[in-house]
Amino acid sequence: RGGPKGVGDAVNQSVVITFMLLFFVNMVLTAIYLQIVPAKGG
């Protein structure tokens, strides 16, 4: 454990987690946005 391969695995994992978080946040914000905007009577 450790060395360049350990660093690469850690970076890979954090990138995957970051993308999943961004995707989830984007979905939540979109759902909230779609519920709020039509309420204004666009």
PDB file of N, CA and C in Angstrom:
ATOM      1  N   ARG A   1       0.850  -1.201   0.000  1.00  0.00           N
ATOM      2  CA  ARG A   1       0.000   0.000   0.000  1.00  0.00           C
ATOM      3  C   ARG A   1       0.888   1.254   0.000  1.00  0.00           C
ATOM      4  N   GLY A   2       0.420   2.309  -0.659  1.00  0.00           N
ATOM      5  CA  GLY A   2       1.208   3.533  -0.746  1.00  0.00           C
ATOM      6  C   GLY A   2       1.918   3.622  -2.085  1.00  0.00           C
ATOM      7  N   GLY A   3       2.727   4.635  -2.255  1.00  0.00           N
ATOM      8  CA  GLY A   3       3.421   4.816  -3.515  1.00  0.00           C
ATOM      9  C   GLY A   3       2.497   5.435  -4.556  1.00  0.00           C
ATOM     10  N   PRO A   4       2.983   5.555  -5.788  1.00  0.00           N
ATOM     11  CA  PRO A   4       2.191   6.188  -6.852  1.00  0.00           C
ATOM     12  C   PRO A   4       0.849   5.503  -7.079  1.00  0.00           C
ATOM     13  N   LYS A   5       0.831   4.156  -6.975  1.00  0.00           N
ATOM     14  CA  LYS A   5      -0.429   3.455  -7.239  1.00  0.00           C
ATOM     15  C   LYS A   5      -1.471   3.817  -6.182  1.00  0.00           C
ATOM     16  N   GLY A   6      -1.050   3.905  -4.929  1.00  0.00           N
ATOM     17  CA  GLY A   6      -1.981   4.279  -3.863  1.00  0.00           C
ATOM     18  C   GLY A   6      -2.543   5.673  -4.098  1.00  0.00           C
ATOM     19  N   VAL A   7      -1.668   6.590  -4.524  1.00  0.00           N
ATOM     20  CA  VAL A   7      -2.116   7.956  -4.800  1.00  0.00           C
ATOM     21  C   VAL A   7      -3.111   7.948  -5.956  1.00  0.00           C
ATOM     22  N   GLY A   8      -2.802   7.184  -7.000  1.00  0.00           N
ATOM     23  CA  GLY A   8      -3.691   7.110  -8.162  1.00  0.00           C
ATOM     24  C   GLY A   8      -5.055   6.566  -7.778  1.00  0.00           C
ATOM     25  N   ASP A   9      -5.078   5.525  -6.944  1.00  0.00           N
ATOM     26  CA  ASP A   9      -6.356   4.960  -6.512  1.00  0.00           C
ATOM     27  C   ASP A   9      -7.149   5.979  -5.708  1.00  0.00           C
ATOM     28  N   ALA A  10      -6.474   6.706  -4.823  1.00  0.00           N
ATOM     29  CA  ALA A  10      -7.156   7.703  -3.993  1.00  0.00           C
ATOM     30  C   ALA A  10      -7.752   8.805  -4.862  1.00  0.00           C
ATOM     31  N   VAL A  11      -6.973   9.256  -5.852  1.00  0.00           N
ATOM     32  CA  VAL A  11      -7.461  10.305  -6.751  1.00  0.00           C
ATOM     33  C   VAL A  11      -8.660   9.791  -7.537  1.00  0.00           C
ATOM     34  N   ASN A  12      -8.557   8.559  -8.048  1.00  0.00           N
ATOM     35  CA  ASN A  12      -9.657   7.967  -8.802  1.00  0.00           C
ATOM     36  C   ASN A  12     -10.928   7.941  -7.978  1.00  0.00           C
ATOM     37  N   GLN A  13     -10.810   7.483  -6.734  1.00  0.00           N
ATOM     38  CA  GLN A  13     -11.975   7.355  -5.871  1.00  0.00           C
ATOM     39  C   GLN A  13     -12.596   8.722  -5.591  1.00  0.00           C
ATOM     40  N   SER A  14     -11.756   9.712  -5.287  1.00  0.00           N
ATOM     41  CA  SER A  14     -12.283  11.043  -4.976  1.00  0.00           C
ATOM     42  C   SER A  14     -12.955  11.654  -6.199  1.00  0.00           C
ATOM     43  N   VAL A  15     -12.414  11.393  -7.391  1.00  0.00           N
ATOM     44  CA  VAL A  15     -13.023  11.919  -8.619  1.00  0.00           C
ATOM     45  C   VAL A  15     -14.404  11.307  -8.817  1.00  0.00           C
ATOM     46  N   VAL A  16     -14.510   9.997  -8.619  1.00  0.00           N
ATOM     47  CA  VAL A  16     -15.800   9.316  -8.781  1.00  0.00           C
ATOM     48  C   VAL A  16     -16.813   9.861  -7.782  1.00  0.00           C
ATOM     49  N   ILE A  17     -16.382  10.015  -6.529  1.00  0.00           N
ATOM     50  CA  ILE A  17     -17.286  10.523  -5.490  1.00  0.00           C
ATOM     51  C   ILE A  17     -17.724  11.946  -5.828  1.00  0.00           C
ATOM     52  N   THR A  18     -16.785  12.766  -6.306  1.00  0.00           N
ATOM     53  CA  THR A  18     -17.114  14.149  -6.654  1.00  0.00           C
ATOM     54  C   THR A  18     -18.143  14.190  -7.774  1.00  0.00           C
ATOM     55  N   PHE A  19     -17.959  13.359  -8.809  1.00  0.00           N
ATOM     56  CA  PHE A  19     -18.912  13.336  -9.918  1.00  0.00           C
ATOM     57  C   PHE A  19     -20.284  12.884  -9.449  1.00  0.00           C
ATOM     58  N   MET A  20     -20.326  11.882  -8.564  1.00  0.00           N
ATOM     59  CA  MET A  20     -21.611  11.406  -8.043  1.00  0.00           C
ATOM     60  C   MET A  20     -22.302  12.506  -7.244  1.00  0.00           C
ATOM     61  N   LEU A  21     -21.525  13.227  -6.432  1.00  0.00           N
ATOM     62  CA  LEU A  21     -22.104  14.319  -5.636  1.00  0.00           C
ATOM     63  C   LEU A  21     -22.639  15.416  -6.549  1.00  0.00           C
ATOM     64  N   LEU A  22     -21.856  15.792  -7.565  1.00  0.00           N
ATOM     65  CA  LEU A  22     -22.295  16.833  -8.487  1.00  0.00           C
ATOM     66  C   LEU A  22     -23.574  16.410  -9.204  1.00  0.00           C
ATOM     67  N   PHE A  23     -23.629  15.152  -9.642  1.00  0.00           N
ATOM     68  CA  PHE A  23     -24.807  14.643 -10.335  1.00  0.00           C
ATOM     69  C   PHE A  23     -26.028  14.702  -9.423  1.00  0.00           C
ATOM     70  N   PHE A  24     -25.851  14.285  -8.158  1.00  0.00           N
ATOM     71  CA  PHE A  24     -26.952  14.268  -7.199  1.00  0.00           C
ATOM     72  C   PHE A  24     -27.435  15.688  -6.910  1.00  0.00           C
ATOM     73  N   VAL A  25     -26.493  16.602  -6.656  1.00  0.00           N
ATOM     74  CA  VAL A  25     -26.859  17.993  -6.368  1.00  0.00           C
ATOM     75  C   VAL A  25     -27.578  18.600  -7.562  1.00  0.00           C
ATOM     76  N   ASN A  26     -27.090  18.314  -8.766  1.00  0.00           N
ATOM     77  CA  ASN A  26     -27.703  18.845  -9.975  1.00  0.00           C
ATOM     78  C   ASN A  26     -29.142  18.357 -10.099  1.00  0.00           C
ATOM     79  N   MET A  27     -29.384  17.077  -9.828  1.00  0.00           N
ATOM     80  CA  MET A  27     -30.742  16.529  -9.898  1.00  0.00           C
ATOM     81  C   MET A  27     -31.652  17.207  -8.884  1.00  0.00           C
ATOM     82  N   VAL A  28     -31.163  17.377  -7.661  1.00  0.00           N
ATOM     83  CA  VAL A  28     -31.977  18.002  -6.607  1.00  0.00           C
ATOM     84  C   VAL A  28     -32.311  19.446  -6.974  1.00  0.00           C
ATOM     85  N   LEU A  29     -31.304  20.199  -7.424  1.00  0.00           N
ATOM     86  CA  LEU A  29     -31.539  21.598  -7.785  1.00  0.00           C
ATOM     87  C   LEU A  29     -32.518  21.689  -8.952  1.00  0.00           C
ATOM     88  N   THR A  30     -32.401  20.792  -9.926  1.00  0.00           N
ATOM     89  CA  THR A  30     -33.316  20.799 -11.063  1.00  0.00           C
ATOM     90  C   THR A  30     -34.741  20.529 -10.603  1.00  0.00           C
ATOM     91  N   ALA A  31     -34.918  19.556  -9.708  1.00  0.00           N
ATOM     92  CA  ALA A  31     -36.253  19.224  -9.203  1.00  0.00           C
ATOM     93  C   ALA A  31     -36.853  20.417  -8.467  1.00  0.00           C
ATOM     94  N   ILE A  32     -36.055  21.063  -7.628  1.00  0.00           N
ATOM     95  CA  ILE A  32     -36.542  22.237  -6.889  1.00  0.00           C
ATOM     96  C   ILE A  32     -36.881  23.360  -7.868  1.00  0.00           C
ATOM     97  N   TYR A  33     -36.018  23.582  -8.832  1.00  0.00           N
ATOM     98  CA  TYR A  33     -36.223  24.648  -9.815  1.00  0.00           C
ATOM     99  C   TYR A  33     -37.521  24.419 -10.586  1.00  0.00           C
ATOM    100  N   LEU A  34     -37.749  23.183 -11.027  1.00  0.00           N
ATOM    101  CA  LEU A  34     -38.950  22.877 -11.802  1.00  0.00           C
ATOM    102  C   LEU A  34     -40.208  23.045 -10.962  1.00  0.00           C
ATOM    103  N   GLN A  35     -40.103  22.878  -9.655  1.00  0.00           N
ATOM    104  CA  GLN A  35     -41.274  23.035  -8.792  1.00  0.00           C
ATOM    105  C   GLN A  35     -41.541  24.500  -8.483  1.00  0.00           C
ATOM    106  N   ILE A  36     -40.480  25.308  -8.408  1.00  0.00           N
ATOM    107  CA  ILE A  36     -40.642  26.715  -8.025  1.00  0.00           C
ATOM    108  C   ILE A  36     -41.057  27.572  -9.223  1.00  0.00           C
ATOM    109  N   VAL A  37     -40.409  27.384 -10.363  1.00  0.00           N
ATOM    110  CA  VAL A  37     -40.616  28.276 -11.507  1.00  0.00           C
ATOM    111  C   VAL A  37     -42.057  28.270 -12.022  1.00  0.00           C
ATOM    112  N   PRO A  38     -42.694  27.116 -12.269  1.00  0.00           N
ATOM    113  CA  PRO A  38     -44.078  27.147 -12.773  1.00  0.00           C
ATOM    114  C   PRO A  38     -45.031  27.802 -11.780  1.00  0.00           C
ATOM    115  N   ALA A  39     -44.693  27.801 -10.489  1.00  0.00           N
ATOM    116  CA  ALA A  39     -45.561  28.386  -9.473  1.00  0.00           C
ATOM    117  C   ALA A  39     -45.676  29.897  -9.675  1.00  0.00           C
ATOM    118  N   LYS A  40     -44.673  30.499 -10.309  1.00  0.00           N
ATOM    119  CA  LYS A  40     -44.718  31.937 -10.558  1.00  0.00           C
ATOM    120  C   LYS A  40     -45.668  32.270 -11.709  1.00  0.00           C
ATOM    121  N   GLY A  41     -46.093  31.268 -12.472  1.00  0.00           N
ATOM    122  CA  GLY A  41     -46.973  31.519 -13.609  1.00  0.00           C
ATOM    123  C   GLY A  41     -46.212  32.122 -14.764  1.00  0.00           C
ATOM    124  N   GLY A  42     -45.236  31.365 -15.260  1.00  0.00           N
ATOM    125  CA  GLY A  42     -44.371  31.867 -16.324  1.00  0.00           C
ATOM    126  C   GLY A  42     -45.124  32.069 -17.617  1.00  0.00           C
TER     127      GLY A  42
END
